[in-house]
Amino acid sequence: MADKVINTAAGQLYYVEKDDRVNITSYAGEDESLIIPEEIAGLPVRKIDKKAFMNAKRLRSVVLPDTIRKLADWSFSYCRMLSTVELPRKKITMGHSPFLGDDRLEKISLRSRKKYPDEAWLAMSEKDRDDTAVLLASLYNMKGADHLLNCSTAGTPEWFEGLDRRLLEFIDEPDEEGHAEMILCGEEDLECTLDVFITNKRKKKSRISFMRILHPAGLSEKAEERYKAYLTGHSVGCSSDEAWLVLKEEYGHLKEYYECYVNLGCLNDDNFSDTMQDLGDKQAEMKAYFLRWKEANKPAEEDFFDSFEL
């Protein structure tokens, strides 16, 4: 049976009718934003099929309906511009890596369904719901996190506890772990030496630590201290400085990140000069913030008469 088609603003959605439901089979077009309808031809939309939206190059945001029940394997993979996804807060079966390669994915937002209001979810603060969206998005390219990809439990105390357990397991993992596996899997064409692999892994750990501190919903004091310790232990002057490199190279234009870096004590009197020298003429606003910090924290002037030696 040939797929049927409906038009979007700048493309086409292809679908099949099966057992009184609709499955979206593929997409072609140039839409930047898509809202998948709840019904097509009077039937509920239940599933996004395997690779249905793969390589949708312009897609930046997608909203899926309350009727959705499954995202199949790689359904939204390699949508390089995709940054936000909205899903109903309910049990949704996730196939293998539905968002694989979506490097710009920032939020997987959840909403309470119209027919079945989720009182616990609605009672959460908007900030905590937003934090949950960011944290949920971070899990889709992390090994061993499949059990956390649960839209019906995300945001609960148990979910936050499981999230931090997995993130901290990764942070505690030896930096060289995974390199040999990468080589054995035939990925040596990436020319990733062990030193480069370790640096990249430490950067990933730094990103995770920044993310969790800046999105602290459900974060325990004990877990928070471990994320802070990782960042302060990888700042300028430490045996490795990947937290600083991530800030300088990726987040230096974002005030909340360099404020966090300073507030954690990553910038101090001992490493200030080296930090400023390494920064050079880059990131003018961050540099100005560091200079203001230095001015505000300089030692108190000695008493005028104490400055004279007897």
Protein backbone atom coordinates (compact mmCIF):
# COMPACT_ATOMS: atom_id res chain seq x y z
CA MET A 1 0.00 0.00 0.00
CA ALA A 2 1.45 3.38 -1.02
CA ASP A 3 2.01 5.98 1.67
CA LYS A 4 -0.44 8.83 1.86
CA VAL A 5 0.68 12.42 2.20
CA ILE A 6 -0.36 15.66 3.85
CA ASN A 7 1.28 19.01 3.29
CA THR A 8 3.11 21.05 5.91
CA ALA A 9 4.05 24.71 5.56
CA ALA A 10 7.20 23.82 3.61
CA GLY A 11 7.08 20.09 3.01
CA GLN A 12 5.16 16.83 3.16
CA LEU A 13 4.41 14.27 5.86
CA TYR A 14 3.98 10.71 4.59
CA TYR A 15 1.92 8.26 6.60
CA VAL A 16 0.12 4.93 6.59
CA GLU A 17 -3.17 3.95 8.20
CA LYS A 18 -2.91 0.76 10.21
CA ASP A 19 -5.27 -0.81 12.75
CA ASP A 20 -7.28 2.37 13.24
CA ARG A 21 -4.18 4.48 13.80
CA VAL A 22 -1.70 6.51 11.80
CA ASN A 23 2.06 6.00 11.64
CA ILE A 24 4.25 8.79 10.24
CA THR A 25 6.60 7.00 7.84
CA SER A 26 8.75 9.81 6.42
CA TYR A 27 9.13 13.51 5.88
CA ALA A 28 10.45 15.67 3.05
CA GLY A 29 10.71 19.43 3.16
CA GLU A 30 12.31 22.58 4.50
CA ASP A 31 10.24 23.28 7.62
CA GLU A 32 12.06 24.81 10.55
CA SER A 33 9.20 24.14 12.97
CA LEU A 34 6.69 21.31 12.88
CA ILE A 35 3.62 20.50 14.95
CA ILE A 36 2.61 16.90 14.31
CA PRO A 37 -1.21 16.71 14.39
CA GLU A 38 -3.07 14.50 16.83
CA GLU A 39 -5.23 13.09 14.05
CA ILE A 40 -4.88 12.53 10.33
CA ALA A 41 -7.88 11.40 8.32
CA GLY A 42 -9.81 11.07 11.60
CA LEU A 43 -7.29 8.58 13.06
CA PRO A 44 -4.91 9.18 15.99
CA VAL A 45 -1.21 9.59 15.27
CA ARG A 46 0.50 6.89 17.33
CA LYS A 47 4.00 6.34 15.99
CA ILE A 48 6.96 7.98 14.27
CA ASP A 49 8.52 5.24 12.16
CA LYS A 50 12.16 4.26 11.81
CA LYS A 51 14.29 7.05 10.29
CA ALA A 52 11.16 9.03 9.44
CA PHE A 53 12.79 12.43 9.98
CA MET A 54 16.42 11.42 9.53
CA ASN A 55 18.53 14.22 8.03
CA ALA A 56 15.75 16.82 8.14
CA LYS A 57 18.40 19.47 7.78
CA ARG A 58 16.40 22.62 8.52
CA LEU A 59 14.21 21.30 11.33
CA ARG A 60 14.76 23.28 14.53
CA SER A 61 11.74 22.42 16.66
CA VAL A 62 9.09 19.73 16.69
CA VAL A 63 5.98 19.24 18.82
CA LEU A 64 4.51 15.75 19.08
CA PRO A 65 0.85 15.15 19.94
CA ASP A 66 -0.72 13.71 23.09
CA THR A 67 -1.68 10.65 21.04
CA ILE A 68 1.93 9.59 20.34
CA ARG A 69 3.00 6.24 21.77
CA LYS A 70 6.30 5.38 20.10
CA LEU A 71 9.38 6.96 18.55
CA ALA A 72 11.04 4.22 16.53
CA ASP A 73 14.76 3.70 15.89
CA TRP A 74 16.61 6.82 14.70
CA SER A 75 13.29 8.56 14.04
CA PHE A 76 14.77 12.07 14.39
CA SER A 77 18.45 11.21 13.96
CA TYR A 78 20.95 13.56 12.37
CA CYS A 79 18.63 16.53 12.39
CA ARG A 80 21.65 18.79 12.82
CA MET A 81 19.67 21.95 13.59
CA LEU A 82 17.09 20.40 15.92
CA SER A 83 17.24 22.19 19.27
CA THR A 84 13.85 21.67 20.93
CA VAL A 85 11.38 18.79 21.11
CA GLU A 86 8.07 18.86 22.96
CA LEU A 87 6.44 15.63 24.13
CA PRO A 88 3.45 14.76 26.31
CA ARG A 89 4.34 13.64 29.83
CA LYS A 90 3.29 10.02 29.49
CA LYS A 91 4.85 6.65 28.81
CA ILE A 92 6.35 6.71 25.31
CA THR A 93 8.27 3.76 23.91
CA MET A 94 11.66 4.91 22.67
CA GLY A 95 13.41 2.93 19.96
CA HIS A 96 17.15 2.89 19.47
CA SER A 97 18.69 6.38 19.62
CA PRO A 98 15.78 8.42 18.23
CA PHE A 99 17.85 11.62 18.49
CA LEU A 100 21.24 10.23 17.50
CA GLY A 101 23.57 12.89 16.11
CA ASP A 102 21.32 15.80 17.07
CA ASP A 103 24.25 17.78 18.41
CA ARG A 104 22.24 20.98 18.98
CA LEU A 105 19.44 19.37 20.95
CA GLU A 106 19.03 21.55 24.04
CA LYS A 107 15.61 20.74 25.45
CA ILE A 108 13.09 17.93 25.46
CA SER A 109 10.16 19.72 27.04
CA LEU A 110 7.29 17.84 28.62
CA ARG A 111 3.72 19.06 28.92
CA SER A 112 0.72 17.86 30.85
CA ARG A 113 -1.86 16.23 28.58
CA LYS A 114 -5.17 17.98 28.02
CA LYS A 115 -7.39 15.02 28.87
CA TYR A 116 -5.24 13.72 31.74
CA PRO A 117 -3.76 16.67 33.66
CA ASP A 118 -0.62 15.75 35.58
CA GLU A 119 -1.07 17.59 38.86
CA ALA A 120 2.41 16.77 40.19
CA TRP A 121 4.03 18.08 37.01
CA LEU A 122 1.90 21.22 36.99
CA ALA A 123 2.77 21.85 40.65
CA MET A 124 6.48 22.04 39.82
CA SER A 125 7.97 25.48 39.28
CA GLU A 126 8.53 26.62 35.71
CA LYS A 127 12.28 26.68 36.42
CA ASP A 128 12.29 23.05 37.57
CA ARG A 129 10.32 21.97 34.50
CA ASP A 130 12.75 23.86 32.29
CA ASP A 131 15.71 22.25 34.08
CA THR A 132 14.14 18.84 33.50
CA ALA A 133 13.87 19.59 29.76
CA VAL A 134 17.57 20.42 29.55
CA LEU A 135 18.60 17.40 31.60
CA LEU A 136 16.40 15.02 29.63
CA ALA A 137 17.93 16.23 26.36
CA SER A 138 21.43 15.58 27.71
CA LEU A 139 20.74 11.86 28.11
CA TYR A 140 20.01 10.92 24.52
CA ASN A 141 23.65 10.44 23.56
CA MET A 142 24.83 8.91 26.83
CA LYS A 143 25.46 5.20 27.16
CA GLY A 144 23.73 3.40 29.98
CA ALA A 145 21.00 6.01 30.36
CA ASP A 146 18.15 4.26 28.56
CA HIS A 147 16.25 3.67 31.79
CA LEU A 148 16.12 7.44 32.33
CA LEU A 149 14.56 8.18 28.96
CA ASN A 150 11.12 7.98 30.49
CA CYS A 151 8.76 10.87 29.83
CA SER A 152 6.32 9.69 32.49
CA THR A 153 8.80 9.78 35.40
CA ALA A 154 11.16 12.59 34.37
CA GLY A 155 11.18 15.29 37.04
CA THR A 156 10.35 13.03 39.98
CA PRO A 157 12.76 12.80 42.96
CA GLU A 158 13.60 9.22 41.99
CA TRP A 159 14.39 10.30 38.43
CA PHE A 160 16.71 13.10 39.57
CA GLU A 161 18.47 10.67 41.90
CA GLY A 162 18.97 8.19 39.05
CA LEU A 163 20.11 10.96 36.74
CA ASP A 164 22.84 12.13 39.09
CA ARG A 165 23.91 8.58 39.79
CA ARG A 166 24.49 8.00 36.08
CA LEU A 167 26.15 11.36 35.41
CA LEU A 168 28.51 10.95 38.35
CA GLU A 169 29.34 7.41 37.30
CA PHE A 170 30.49 8.87 34.00
CA ILE A 171 32.50 11.61 35.72
CA ASP A 172 34.20 8.99 37.94
CA GLU A 173 34.97 6.77 34.96
CA PRO A 174 38.70 6.59 34.06
CA ASP A 175 39.44 9.14 31.34
CA GLU A 176 41.03 6.54 29.07
CA GLU A 177 38.08 4.13 29.28
CA GLY A 178 36.40 3.71 25.90
CA HIS A 179 39.40 4.53 23.72
CA ALA A 180 40.36 0.91 23.07
CA GLU A 181 36.72 0.08 22.30
CA MET A 182 36.61 2.92 19.77
CA ILE A 183 39.70 1.56 18.02
CA LEU A 184 38.35 -1.99 17.99
CA CYS A 185 35.11 -0.75 16.46
CA GLY A 186 37.04 0.55 13.49
CA GLU A 187 36.83 4.23 14.35
CA GLU A 188 40.58 4.77 14.18
CA ASP A 189 40.04 6.82 11.01
CA LEU A 190 39.03 9.60 13.38
CA GLU A 191 42.75 9.88 14.17
CA CYS A 192 41.86 10.21 17.83
CA THR A 193 45.01 9.54 19.84
CA LEU A 194 44.70 8.58 23.48
CA ASP A 195 45.72 12.09 24.57
CA VAL A 196 43.04 13.69 22.36
CA PHE A 197 40.47 11.16 23.55
CA ILE A 198 41.23 11.95 27.20
CA THR A 199 41.01 15.70 26.62
CA ASN A 200 37.67 15.35 24.83
CA LYS A 201 36.32 13.13 27.59
CA ARG A 202 37.34 15.61 30.28
CA LYS A 203 35.63 18.36 28.29
CA LYS A 204 32.45 16.29 28.19
CA LYS A 205 32.65 15.79 31.95
CA SER A 206 33.10 19.54 32.36
CA ARG A 207 30.06 20.27 30.19
CA ILE A 208 27.99 17.88 32.29
CA SER A 209 29.17 19.51 35.52
CA PHE A 210 28.37 23.01 34.27
CA MET A 211 24.97 21.86 33.03
CA ARG A 212 23.98 20.21 36.29
CA ILE A 213 25.06 23.12 38.48
CA LEU A 214 23.24 25.62 36.27
CA HIS A 215 20.11 23.42 36.16
CA PRO A 216 19.90 22.28 39.79
CA ALA A 217 16.36 20.90 39.99
CA GLY A 218 16.38 17.91 42.32
CA LEU A 219 20.13 18.25 42.96
CA SER A 220 21.35 17.08 46.37
CA GLU A 221 24.10 18.95 48.23
CA LYS A 222 26.36 15.91 48.06
CA ALA A 223 26.02 15.57 44.30
CA GLU A 224 26.43 19.32 43.82
CA GLU A 225 29.74 19.26 45.68
CA ARG A 226 31.06 16.56 43.37
CA TYR A 227 30.19 18.53 40.23
CA LYS A 228 31.79 21.64 41.75
CA ALA A 229 34.91 19.67 42.66
CA TYR A 230 35.29 18.47 39.10
CA LEU A 231 35.18 22.01 37.70
CA THR A 232 37.52 23.51 40.28
CA GLY A 233 39.88 20.58 39.74
CA HIS A 234 40.12 21.28 36.01
CA SER A 235 40.61 25.04 35.96
CA VAL A 236 43.72 27.06 35.11
CA GLY A 237 46.72 25.99 37.19
CA CYS A 238 45.48 22.44 37.78
CA SER A 239 47.15 19.38 36.25
CA SER A 240 44.56 19.63 33.46
CA ASP A 241 42.32 22.59 32.63
CA GLU A 242 39.46 21.28 30.50
CA ALA A 243 36.80 23.13 32.51
CA TRP A 244 38.52 26.37 31.56
CA LEU A 245 38.91 25.27 27.93
CA VAL A 246 35.19 24.48 27.69
CA LEU A 247 34.31 27.86 29.18
CA LYS A 248 36.72 29.78 26.94
CA GLU A 249 35.96 27.92 23.71
CA GLU A 250 32.24 27.18 24.02
CA TYR A 251 30.50 29.17 26.75
CA GLY A 252 32.56 32.34 27.11
CA HIS A 253 29.78 34.45 25.60
CA LEU A 254 27.24 33.24 28.16
CA LYS A 255 27.20 35.23 31.40
CA GLU A 256 25.66 32.47 33.50
CA TYR A 257 28.62 30.21 32.70
CA TYR A 258 31.45 32.59 33.53
CA GLU A 259 29.58 33.78 36.61
CA CYS A 260 29.33 30.15 37.69
CA TYR A 261 33.05 29.63 37.02
CA VAL A 262 33.95 32.57 39.24
CA ASN A 263 31.42 31.80 41.98
CA LEU A 264 32.76 28.27 42.30
CA GLY A 265 36.25 29.60 42.96
CA CYS A 266 37.72 28.37 39.66
CA LEU A 267 39.15 31.86 39.22
CA ASN A 268 41.43 32.90 42.08
CA ASP A 269 44.39 35.10 42.92
CA ASP A 270 46.85 32.33 42.09
CA ASN A 271 45.60 31.70 38.54
CA PHE A 272 44.22 35.13 37.62
CA SER A 273 47.24 36.33 35.64
CA ASP A 274 47.60 33.05 33.73
CA THR A 275 43.87 33.02 33.00
CA MET A 276 43.91 36.56 31.61
CA GLN A 277 47.02 35.85 29.56
CA ASP A 278 45.45 32.75 28.06
CA LEU A 279 42.24 34.63 27.31
CA GLY A 280 44.12 37.33 25.40
CA ASP A 281 41.82 39.59 23.44
CA LYS A 282 38.99 37.04 23.20
CA GLN A 283 35.60 37.14 24.96
CA ALA A 284 35.65 40.84 25.88
CA GLU A 285 32.61 40.68 28.18
CA MET A 286 33.96 37.72 30.14
CA LYS A 287 37.35 39.42 30.40
CA ALA A 288 35.73 42.59 31.75
CA TYR A 289 33.80 40.52 34.30
CA PHE A 290 37.04 38.88 35.48
CA LEU A 291 38.70 42.30 35.82
CA ARG A 292 35.77 43.59 37.90
CA TRP A 293 36.04 40.50 40.09
CA LYS A 294 39.74 41.16 40.62
CA GLU A 295 39.10 44.80 41.50
CA ALA A 296 36.35 43.88 43.96
CA ASN A 297 38.51 41.25 45.65
CA LYS A 298 41.85 43.02 45.89
CA PRO A 299 43.34 43.20 49.41
CA ALA A 300 42.33 46.19 51.51
CA GLU A 301 44.77 49.09 51.34
CA GLU A 302 47.13 49.38 54.26
CA ASP A 303 46.66 52.25 56.66
CA PHE A 304 48.46 55.31 55.24
CA PHE A 305 50.87 55.63 58.16
CA ASP A 306 51.55 51.87 58.20
CA SER A 307 53.07 52.23 54.74
CA PHE A 308 56.01 54.16 56.17
CA GLU A 309 58.83 52.02 57.47
CA LEU A 310 60.36 53.03 60.74
